[in-house]
Amino acid sequence: MNIINITKYRIGLVINKTQKTVKIQFKMFFFNKLLKKKTFKTKYYQVHDPFNICTFGDIILIKKISPISTLKSWKLSTILIKEKNLYLKEL
């Protein structure tokens, strides 16, 4: 039985790419009891991509590691969905 630990893994959308680094968008959904509606919070992470295989719009799984630099403490684990036009559809 494979259970992904929420503190060590995240699933996100690639929104920016540089050499050996990608920036992903991670959305957290939660229910607000006071307003009685579902809301979400967006968080951005910089992820280490050692082989430059990610492109815009990919859905990827990232893993928490010890810090590589001041902003990068996540590493690319796997690419779940390889979509090239998904990022353009959201705009």
PDB file of N, CA and C in Angstrom:
ATOM      1  N   MET A   1       0.842  -1.173   0.000  1.00  0.00           N
ATOM      2  CA  MET A   1       0.000   0.000   0.000  1.00  0.00           C
ATOM      3  C   MET A   1       0.890   1.241   0.000  1.00  0.00           C
ATOM      4  N   ASN A   2       0.788   2.048  -1.039  1.00  0.00           N
ATOM      5  CA  ASN A   2       1.607   3.246  -1.163  1.00  0.00           C
ATOM      6  C   ASN A   2       0.818   4.469  -0.728  1.00  0.00           C
ATOM      7  N   ILE A   3       1.243   5.080   0.348  1.00  0.00           N
ATOM      8  CA  ILE A   3       0.635   6.314   0.825  1.00  0.00           C
ATOM      9  C   ILE A   3       1.700   7.399   0.741  1.00  0.00           C
ATOM     10  N   ILE A   4       1.395   8.479   0.012  1.00  0.00           N
ATOM     11  CA  ILE A   4       2.350   9.570  -0.143  1.00  0.00           C
ATOM     12  C   ILE A   4       2.266  10.478   1.074  1.00  0.00           C
ATOM     13  N   ASN A   5       3.394  10.683   1.735  1.00  0.00           N
ATOM     14  CA  ASN A   5       3.456  11.578   2.882  1.00  0.00           C
ATOM     15  C   ASN A   5       3.322  13.016   2.383  1.00  0.00           C
ATOM     16  N   ILE A   6       2.338  13.738   2.880  1.00  0.00           N
ATOM     17  CA  ILE A   6       2.019  15.078   2.374  1.00  0.00           C
ATOM     18  C   ILE A   6       3.129  16.079   2.679  1.00  0.00           C
ATOM     19  N   THR A   7       3.933  15.836   3.701  1.00  0.00           N
ATOM     20  CA  THR A   7       4.986  16.792   4.033  1.00  0.00           C
ATOM     21  C   THR A   7       6.228  16.616   3.167  1.00  0.00           C
ATOM     22  N   LYS A   8       6.408  15.452   2.548  1.00  0.00           N
ATOM     23  CA  LYS A   8       7.609  15.202   1.764  1.00  0.00           C
ATOM     24  C   LYS A   8       7.379  15.263   0.266  1.00  0.00           C
ATOM     25  N   TYR A   9       6.148  15.185  -0.187  1.00  0.00           N
ATOM     26  CA  TYR A   9       5.844  15.181  -1.613  1.00  0.00           C
ATOM     27  C   TYR A   9       4.772  16.213  -1.937  1.00  0.00           C
ATOM     28  N   ARG A  10       4.849  16.805  -3.116  1.00  0.00           N
ATOM     29  CA  ARG A  10       3.836  17.739  -3.610  1.00  0.00           C
ATOM     30  C   ARG A  10       3.632  17.475  -5.098  1.00  0.00           C
ATOM     31  N   ILE A  11       2.442  17.815  -5.592  1.00  0.00           N
ATOM     32  CA  ILE A  11       2.131  17.734  -7.016  1.00  0.00           C
ATOM     33  C   ILE A  11       1.818  19.141  -7.483  1.00  0.00           C
ATOM     34  N   GLY A  12       2.474  19.573  -8.567  1.00  0.00           N
ATOM     35  CA  GLY A  12       2.287  20.943  -9.021  1.00  0.00           C
ATOM     36  C   GLY A  12       2.427  21.092 -10.521  1.00  0.00           C
ATOM     37  N   LEU A  13       2.105  22.289 -10.991  1.00  0.00           N
ATOM     38  CA  LEU A  13       2.133  22.649 -12.400  1.00  0.00           C
ATOM     39  C   LEU A  13       3.352  23.521 -12.676  1.00  0.00           C
ATOM     40  N   VAL A  14       4.111  23.191 -13.712  1.00  0.00           N
ATOM     41  CA  VAL A  14       5.302  23.962 -14.076  1.00  0.00           C
ATOM     42  C   VAL A  14       4.860  25.257 -14.746  1.00  0.00           C
ATOM     43  N   ILE A  15       5.267  26.408 -14.175  1.00  0.00           N
ATOM     44  CA  ILE A  15       4.870  27.695 -14.748  1.00  0.00           C
ATOM     45  C   ILE A  15       6.052  28.512 -15.251  1.00  0.00           C
ATOM     46  N   ASN A  16       7.275  28.128 -14.870  1.00  0.00           N
ATOM     47  CA  ASN A  16       8.457  28.857 -15.332  1.00  0.00           C
ATOM     48  C   ASN A  16       9.634  27.895 -15.353  1.00  0.00           C
ATOM     49  N   LYS A  17      10.577  28.137 -16.266  1.00  0.00           N
ATOM     50  CA  LYS A  17      11.708  27.232 -16.402  1.00  0.00           C
ATOM     51  C   LYS A  17      12.979  28.018 -16.673  1.00  0.00           C
ATOM     52  N   THR A  18      14.047  27.674 -15.951  1.00  0.00           N
ATOM     53  CA  THR A  18      15.386  28.171 -16.226  1.00  0.00           C
ATOM     54  C   THR A  18      16.315  26.962 -16.256  1.00  0.00           C
ATOM     55  N   GLN A  19      17.610  27.206 -16.349  1.00  0.00           N
ATOM     56  CA  GLN A  19      18.544  26.099 -16.433  1.00  0.00           C
ATOM     57  C   GLN A  19      18.632  25.370 -15.096  1.00  0.00           C
ATOM     58  N   LYS A  20      18.291  24.100 -15.090  1.00  0.00           N
ATOM     59  CA  LYS A  20      18.303  23.195 -13.938  1.00  0.00           C
ATOM     60  C   LYS A  20      17.348  23.607 -12.819  1.00  0.00           C
ATOM     61  N   THR A  21      16.426  24.511 -13.081  1.00  0.00           N
ATOM     62  CA  THR A  21      15.445  24.938 -12.086  1.00  0.00           C
ATOM     63  C   THR A  21      14.101  25.160 -12.763  1.00  0.00           C
ATOM     64  N   VAL A  22      13.034  24.687 -12.120  1.00  0.00           N
ATOM     65  CA  VAL A  22      11.683  24.986 -12.588  1.00  0.00           C
ATOM     66  C   VAL A  22      10.900  25.576 -11.431  1.00  0.00           C
ATOM     67  N   LYS A  23       9.956  26.435 -11.742  1.00  0.00           N
ATOM     68  CA  LYS A  23       9.078  27.018 -10.737  1.00  0.00           C
ATOM     69  C   LYS A  23       7.711  26.380 -10.912  1.00  0.00           C
ATOM     70  N   ILE A  24       7.156  25.842  -9.822  1.00  0.00           N
ATOM     71  CA  ILE A  24       5.858  25.191  -9.915  1.00  0.00           C
ATOM     72  C   ILE A  24       4.832  25.935  -9.073  1.00  0.00           C
ATOM     73  N   GLN A  25       3.577  25.726  -9.440  1.00  0.00           N
ATOM     74  CA  GLN A  25       2.440  26.301  -8.727  1.00  0.00           C
ATOM     75  C   GLN A  25       1.721  25.154  -8.031  1.00  0.00           C
ATOM     76  N   PHE A  26       1.524  25.292  -6.720  1.00  0.00           N
ATOM     77  CA  PHE A  26       0.877  24.266  -5.913  1.00  0.00           C
ATOM     78  C   PHE A  26      -0.365  24.876  -5.284  1.00  0.00           C
ATOM     79  N   LYS A  27      -1.536  24.272  -5.526  1.00  0.00           N
ATOM     80  CA  LYS A  27      -2.789  24.792  -4.976  1.00  0.00           C
ATOM     81  C   LYS A  27      -3.275  23.886  -3.853  1.00  0.00           C
ATOM     82  N   MET A  28      -3.608  24.512  -2.711  1.00  0.00           N
ATOM     83  CA  MET A  28      -4.155  23.793  -1.573  1.00  0.00           C
ATOM     84  C   MET A  28      -5.619  24.190  -1.411  1.00  0.00           C
ATOM     85  N   PHE A  29      -6.513  23.220  -1.445  1.00  0.00           N
ATOM     86  CA  PHE A  29      -7.934  23.473  -1.267  1.00  0.00           C
ATOM     87  C   PHE A  29      -8.331  23.164   0.169  1.00  0.00           C
ATOM     88  N   PHE A  30      -9.171  24.014   0.746  1.00  0.00           N
ATOM     89  CA  PHE A  30      -9.687  23.759   2.082  1.00  0.00           C
ATOM     90  C   PHE A  30     -11.071  24.380   2.206  1.00  0.00           C
ATOM     91  N   PHE A  31     -11.807  23.917   3.188  1.00  0.00           N
ATOM     92  CA  PHE A  31     -13.162  24.398   3.417  1.00  0.00           C
ATOM     93  C   PHE A  31     -13.139  25.433   4.530  1.00  0.00           C
ATOM     94  N   ASN A  32     -13.640  26.641   4.251  1.00  0.00           N
ATOM     95  CA  ASN A  32     -13.711  27.712   5.228  1.00  0.00           C
ATOM     96  C   ASN A  32     -15.033  27.578   5.984  1.00  0.00           C
ATOM     97  N   LYS A  33     -14.963  27.279   7.272  1.00  0.00           N
ATOM     98  CA  LYS A  33     -16.172  27.060   8.061  1.00  0.00           C
ATOM     99  C   LYS A  33     -16.947  28.345   8.309  1.00  0.00           C
ATOM    100  N   LEU A  34     -16.255  29.463   8.403  1.00  0.00           N
ATOM    101  CA  LEU A  34     -16.920  30.731   8.653  1.00  0.00           C
ATOM    102  C   LEU A  34     -17.718  31.182   7.427  1.00  0.00           C
ATOM    103  N   LEU A  35     -17.117  31.118   6.270  1.00  0.00           N
ATOM    104  CA  LEU A  35     -17.793  31.540   5.040  1.00  0.00           C
ATOM    105  C   LEU A  35     -18.610  30.426   4.398  1.00  0.00           C
ATOM    106  N   LYS A  36     -18.400  29.190   4.851  1.00  0.00           N
ATOM    107  CA  LYS A  36     -19.099  28.005   4.343  1.00  0.00           C
ATOM    108  C   LYS A  36     -18.917  27.849   2.840  1.00  0.00           C
ATOM    109  N   LYS A  37     -17.663  27.936   2.422  1.00  0.00           N
ATOM    110  CA  LYS A  37     -17.358  27.691   1.015  1.00  0.00           C
ATOM    111  C   LYS A  37     -15.935  27.152   0.887  1.00  0.00           C
ATOM    112  N   LYS A  38     -15.677  26.534  -0.248  1.00  0.00           N
ATOM    113  CA  LYS A  38     -14.373  25.966  -0.512  1.00  0.00           C
ATOM    114  C   LYS A  38     -13.470  27.044  -1.103  1.00  0.00           C
ATOM    115  N   THR A  39     -12.311  27.236  -0.516  1.00  0.00           N
ATOM    116  CA  THR A  39     -11.351  28.222  -1.001  1.00  0.00           C
ATOM    117  C   THR A  39     -10.019  27.524  -1.255  1.00  0.00           C
ATOM    118  N   PHE A  40      -9.128  28.205  -1.928  1.00  0.00           N
ATOM    119  CA  PHE A  40      -7.815  27.632  -2.163  1.00  0.00           C
ATOM    120  C   PHE A  40      -6.729  28.672  -1.956  1.00  0.00           C
ATOM    121  N   LYS A  41      -5.560  28.158  -1.671  1.00  0.00           N
ATOM    122  CA  LYS A  41      -4.382  28.982  -1.450  1.00  0.00           C
ATOM    123  C   LYS A  41      -3.301  28.496  -2.416  1.00  0.00           C
ATOM    124  N   THR A  42      -2.615  29.426  -3.062  1.00  0.00           N
ATOM    125  CA  THR A  42      -1.589  29.076  -4.036  1.00  0.00           C
ATOM    126  C   THR A  42      -0.207  29.321  -3.444  1.00  0.00           C
ATOM    127  N   LYS A  43       0.664  28.351  -3.641  1.00  0.00           N
ATOM    128  CA  LYS A  43       2.038  28.460  -3.166  1.00  0.00           C
ATOM    129  C   LYS A  43       2.969  28.119  -4.327  1.00  0.00           C
ATOM    130  N   TYR A  44       4.129  28.770  -4.369  1.00  0.00           N
ATOM    131  CA  TYR A  44       5.088  28.571  -5.448  1.00  0.00           C
ATOM    132  C   TYR A  44       6.382  27.996  -4.885  1.00  0.00           C
ATOM    133  N   TYR A  45       6.929  26.997  -5.573  1.00  0.00           N
ATOM    134  CA  TYR A  45       8.178  26.365  -5.160  1.00  0.00           C
ATOM    135  C   TYR A  45       9.177  26.391  -6.313  1.00  0.00           C
ATOM    136  N   GLN A  46      10.469  26.517  -5.979  1.00  0.00           N
ATOM    137  CA  GLN A  46      11.527  26.349  -6.968  1.00  0.00           C
ATOM    138  C   GLN A  46      12.089  24.947  -6.798  1.00  0.00           C
ATOM    139  N   VAL A  47      12.143  24.216  -7.907  1.00  0.00           N
ATOM    140  CA  VAL A  47      12.462  22.792  -7.883  1.00  0.00           C
ATOM    141  C   VAL A  47      13.728  22.543  -8.700  1.00  0.00           C
ATOM    142  N   HIS A  48      14.586  21.680  -8.189  1.00  0.00           N
ATOM    143  CA  HIS A  48      15.811  21.312  -8.906  1.00  0.00           C
ATOM    144  C   HIS A  48      15.478  20.268  -9.974  1.00  0.00           C
ATOM    145  N   ASP A  49      15.801  20.586 -11.226  1.00  0.00           N
ATOM    146  CA  ASP A  49      15.585  19.697 -12.376  1.00  0.00           C
ATOM    147  C   ASP A  49      16.954  19.419 -12.991  1.00  0.00           C
ATOM    148  N   PRO A  50      17.652  18.356 -12.572  1.00  0.00           N
ATOM    149  CA  PRO A  50      19.052  18.177 -12.977  1.00  0.00           C
ATOM    150  C   PRO A  50      19.265  17.919 -14.468  1.00  0.00           C
ATOM    151  N   PHE A  51      18.276  17.347 -15.160  1.00  0.00           N
ATOM    152  CA  PHE A  51      18.462  16.990 -16.568  1.00  0.00           C
ATOM    153  C   PHE A  51      17.675  17.877 -17.526  1.00  0.00           C
ATOM    154  N   ASN A  52      17.028  18.925 -17.035  1.00  0.00           N
ATOM    155  CA  ASN A  52      16.243  19.865 -17.851  1.00  0.00           C
ATOM    156  C   ASN A  52      15.201  19.153 -18.712  1.00  0.00           C
ATOM    157  N   ILE A  53      14.392  18.288 -18.103  1.00  0.00           N
ATOM    158  CA  ILE A  53      13.404  17.530 -18.869  1.00  0.00           C
ATOM    159  C   ILE A  53      11.999  18.107 -18.750  1.00  0.00           C
ATOM    160  N   CYS A  54      11.777  19.036 -17.850  1.00  0.00           N
ATOM    161  CA  CYS A  54      10.442  19.627 -17.687  1.00  0.00           C
ATOM    162  C   CYS A  54      10.206  20.721 -18.719  1.00  0.00           C
ATOM    163  N   THR A  55       8.932  20.867 -19.116  1.00  0.00           N
ATOM    164  CA  THR A  55       8.522  21.955 -19.994  1.00  0.00           C
ATOM    165  C   THR A  55       7.323  22.650 -19.367  1.00  0.00           C
ATOM    166  N   PHE A  56       6.891  23.757 -19.970  1.00  0.00           N
ATOM    167  CA  PHE A  56       5.749  24.500 -19.452  1.00  0.00           C
ATOM    168  C   PHE A  56       4.496  23.639 -19.511  1.00  0.00           C
ATOM    169  N   GLY A  57       3.734  23.625 -18.429  1.00  0.00           N
ATOM    170  CA  GLY A  57       2.469  22.917 -18.398  1.00  0.00           C
ATOM    171  C   GLY A  57       2.547  21.493 -17.908  1.00  0.00           C
ATOM    172  N   ASP A  58       3.720  20.986 -17.579  1.00  0.00           N
ATOM    173  CA  ASP A  58       3.840  19.626 -17.064  1.00  0.00           C
ATOM    174  C   ASP A  58       3.310  19.565 -15.635  1.00  0.00           C
ATOM    175  N   ILE A  59       2.670  18.456 -15.307  1.00  0.00           N
ATOM    176  CA  ILE A  59       2.267  18.178 -13.930  1.00  0.00           C
ATOM    177  C   ILE A  59       3.333  17.248 -13.361  1.00  0.00           C
ATOM    178  N   ILE A  60       4.002  17.683 -12.280  1.00  0.00           N
ATOM    179  CA  ILE A  60       5.124  16.914 -11.756  1.00  0.00           C
ATOM    180  C   ILE A  60       4.944  16.613 -10.272  1.00  0.00           C
ATOM    181  N   LEU A  61       5.633  15.571  -9.825  1.00  0.00           N
ATOM    182  CA  LEU A  61       5.695  15.198  -8.418  1.00  0.00           C
ATOM    183  C   LEU A  61       7.075  15.587  -7.917  1.00  0.00           C
ATOM    184  N   ILE A  62       7.124  16.362  -6.820  1.00  0.00           N
ATOM    185  CA  ILE A  62       8.402  16.817  -6.282  1.00  0.00           C
ATOM    186  C   ILE A  62       8.607  16.254  -4.884  1.00  0.00           C
ATOM    187  N   LYS A  63       9.872  16.146  -4.498  1.00  0.00           N
ATOM    188  CA  LYS A  63      10.233  15.558  -3.216  1.00  0.00           C
ATOM    189  C   LYS A  63      11.080  16.539  -2.419  1.00  0.00           C
ATOM    190  N   LYS A  64      10.842  16.609  -1.122  1.00  0.00           N
ATOM    191  CA  LYS A  64      11.592  17.483  -0.212  1.00  0.00           C
ATOM    192  C   LYS A  64      12.972  16.887   0.042  1.00  0.00           C
ATOM    193  N   ILE A  65      14.018  17.734  -0.101  1.00  0.00           N
ATOM    194  CA  ILE A  65      15.397  17.310   0.141  1.00  0.00           C
ATOM    195  C   ILE A  65      16.097  18.369   0.985  1.00  0.00           C
ATOM    196  N   SER A  66      17.341  18.100   1.325  1.00  0.00           N
ATOM    197  CA  SER A  66      18.114  19.127   2.026  1.00  0.00           C
ATOM    198  C   SER A  66      18.414  20.261   1.051  1.00  0.00           C
ATOM    199  N   PRO A  67      18.513  21.490   1.510  1.00  0.00           N
ATOM    200  CA  PRO A  67      18.626  22.641   0.605  1.00  0.00           C
ATOM    201  C   PRO A  67      19.857  22.590  -0.306  1.00  0.00           C
ATOM    202  N   ILE A  68      19.601  22.840  -1.603  1.00  0.00           N
ATOM    203  CA  ILE A  68      20.673  22.938  -2.592  1.00  0.00           C
ATOM    204  C   ILE A  68      21.182  24.375  -2.632  1.00  0.00           C
ATOM    205  N   SER A  69      20.260  25.319  -2.591  1.00  0.00           N
ATOM    206  CA  SER A  69      20.605  26.739  -2.527  1.00  0.00           C
ATOM    207  C   SER A  69      19.625  27.404  -1.566  1.00  0.00           C
ATOM    208  N   THR A  70      19.595  28.728  -1.543  1.00  0.00           N
ATOM    209  CA  THR A  70      18.728  29.418  -0.585  1.00  0.00           C
ATOM    210  C   THR A  70      17.251  29.224  -0.897  1.00  0.00           C
ATOM    211  N   LEU A  71      16.887  29.076  -2.158  1.00  0.00           N
ATOM    212  CA  LEU A  71      15.482  28.936  -2.529  1.00  0.00           C
ATOM    213  C   LEU A  71      15.086  27.518  -2.918  1.00  0.00           C
ATOM    214  N   LYS A  72      16.046  26.674  -3.271  1.00  0.00           N
ATOM    215  CA  LYS A  72      15.730  25.332  -3.753  1.00  0.00           C
ATOM    216  C   LYS A  72      15.925  24.290  -2.660  1.00  0.00           C
ATOM    217  N   SER A  73      14.824  23.703  -2.209  1.00  0.00           N
ATOM    218  CA  SER A  73      14.897  22.575  -1.288  1.00  0.00           C
ATOM    219  C   SER A  73      13.949  21.462  -1.728  1.00  0.00           C
ATOM    220  N   TRP A  74      13.568  21.466  -3.005  1.00  0.00           N
ATOM    221  CA  TRP A  74      12.711  20.444  -3.599  1.00  0.00           C
ATOM    222  C   TRP A  74      13.397  19.906  -4.844  1.00  0.00           C
ATOM    223  N   LYS A  75      13.186  18.621  -5.133  1.00  0.00           N
ATOM    224  CA  LYS A  75      13.800  17.989  -6.301  1.00  0.00           C
ATOM    225  C   LYS A  75      12.722  17.276  -7.102  1.00  0.00           C
ATOM    226  N   LEU A  76      12.880  17.272  -8.412  1.00  0.00           N
ATOM    227  CA  LEU A  76      11.941  16.599  -9.298  1.00  0.00           C
ATOM    228  C   LEU A  76      11.988  15.099  -9.047  1.00  0.00           C
ATOM    229  N   SER A  77      10.820  14.506  -8.785  1.00  0.00           N
ATOM    230  CA  SER A  77      10.745  13.070  -8.575  1.00  0.00           C
ATOM    231  C   SER A  77      10.299  12.376  -9.859  1.00  0.00           C
ATOM    232  N   THR A  78       9.093  12.706 -10.352  1.00  0.00           N
ATOM    233  CA  THR A  78       8.602  12.140 -11.614  1.00  0.00           C
ATOM    234  C   THR A  78       7.739  13.166 -12.324  1.00  0.00           C
ATOM    235  N   ILE A  79       7.597  12.982 -13.628  1.00  0.00           N
ATOM    236  CA  ILE A  79       6.657  13.781 -14.411  1.00  0.00           C
ATOM    237  C   ILE A  79       5.394  12.949 -14.553  1.00  0.00           C
ATOM    238  N   LEU A  80       4.285  13.457 -14.033  1.00  0.00           N
ATOM    239  CA  LEU A  80       3.035  12.705 -14.067  1.00  0.00           C
ATOM    240  C   LEU A  80       2.310  12.870 -15.393  1.00  0.00           C
ATOM    241  N   ILE A  81       2.150  14.101 -15.865  1.00  0.00           N
ATOM    242  CA  ILE A  81       1.467  14.382 -17.130  1.00  0.00           C
ATOM    243  C   ILE A  81       2.360  15.297 -17.951  1.00  0.00           C
ATOM    244  N   LYS A  82       2.676  14.859 -19.159  1.00  0.00           N
ATOM    245  CA  LYS A  82       3.538  15.638 -20.058  1.00  0.00           C
ATOM    246  C   LYS A  82       2.645  16.359 -21.061  1.00  0.00           C
ATOM    247  N   GLU A  83       2.165  17.556 -20.703  1.00  0.00           N
ATOM    248  CA  GLU A  83       1.290  18.357 -21.570  1.00  0.00           C
ATOM    249  C   GLU A  83       2.010  19.633 -21.937  1.00  0.00           C
ATOM    250  N   LYS A  84       2.019  19.957 -23.216  1.00  0.00           N
ATOM    251  CA  LYS A  84       2.698  21.178 -23.635  1.00  0.00           C
ATOM    252  C   LYS A  84       1.761  22.367 -23.703  1.00  0.00           C
ATOM    253  N   ASN A  85       0.462  22.159 -23.905  1.00  0.00           N
ATOM    254  CA  ASN A  85      -0.464  23.271 -24.074  1.00  0.00           C
ATOM    255  C   ASN A  85      -1.340  23.507 -22.847  1.00  0.00           C
ATOM    256  N   LEU A  86      -1.115  22.801 -21.748  1.00  0.00           N
ATOM    257  CA  LEU A  86      -1.942  22.951 -20.556  1.00  0.00           C
ATOM    258  C   LEU A  86      -1.760  24.322 -19.919  1.00  0.00           C
ATOM    259  N   TYR A  87      -0.544  24.858 -19.919  1.00  0.00           N
ATOM    260  CA  TYR A  87      -0.285  26.161 -19.322  1.00  0.00           C
ATOM    261  C   TYR A  87      -0.993  27.264 -20.107  1.00  0.00           C
ATOM    262  N   LEU A  88      -1.068  27.136 -21.409  1.00  0.00           N
ATOM    263  CA  LEU A  88      -1.725  28.150 -22.230  1.00  0.00           C
ATOM    264  C   LEU A  88      -3.241  28.118 -22.061  1.00  0.00           C
ATOM    265  N   LYS A  89      -3.804  26.943 -21.731  1.00  0.00           N
ATOM    266  CA  LYS A  89      -5.253  26.834 -21.551  1.00  0.00           C
ATOM    267  C   LYS A  89      -5.721  27.570 -20.300  1.00  0.00           C
ATOM    268  N   GLU A  90      -4.880  27.597 -19.249  1.00  0.00           N
ATOM    269  CA  GLU A  90      -5.278  28.249 -18.000  1.00  0.00           C
ATOM    270  C   GLU A  90      -5.276  29.764 -18.116  1.00  0.00           C
ATOM    271  N   LEU A  91      -4.458  30.322 -18.993  1.00  0.00           N
ATOM    272  CA  LEU A  91      -4.414  31.770 -19.149  1.00  0.00           C
ATOM    273  C   LEU A  91      -5.663  32.222 -19.850  1.00  0.00           C
TER     274      LEU A  91
END
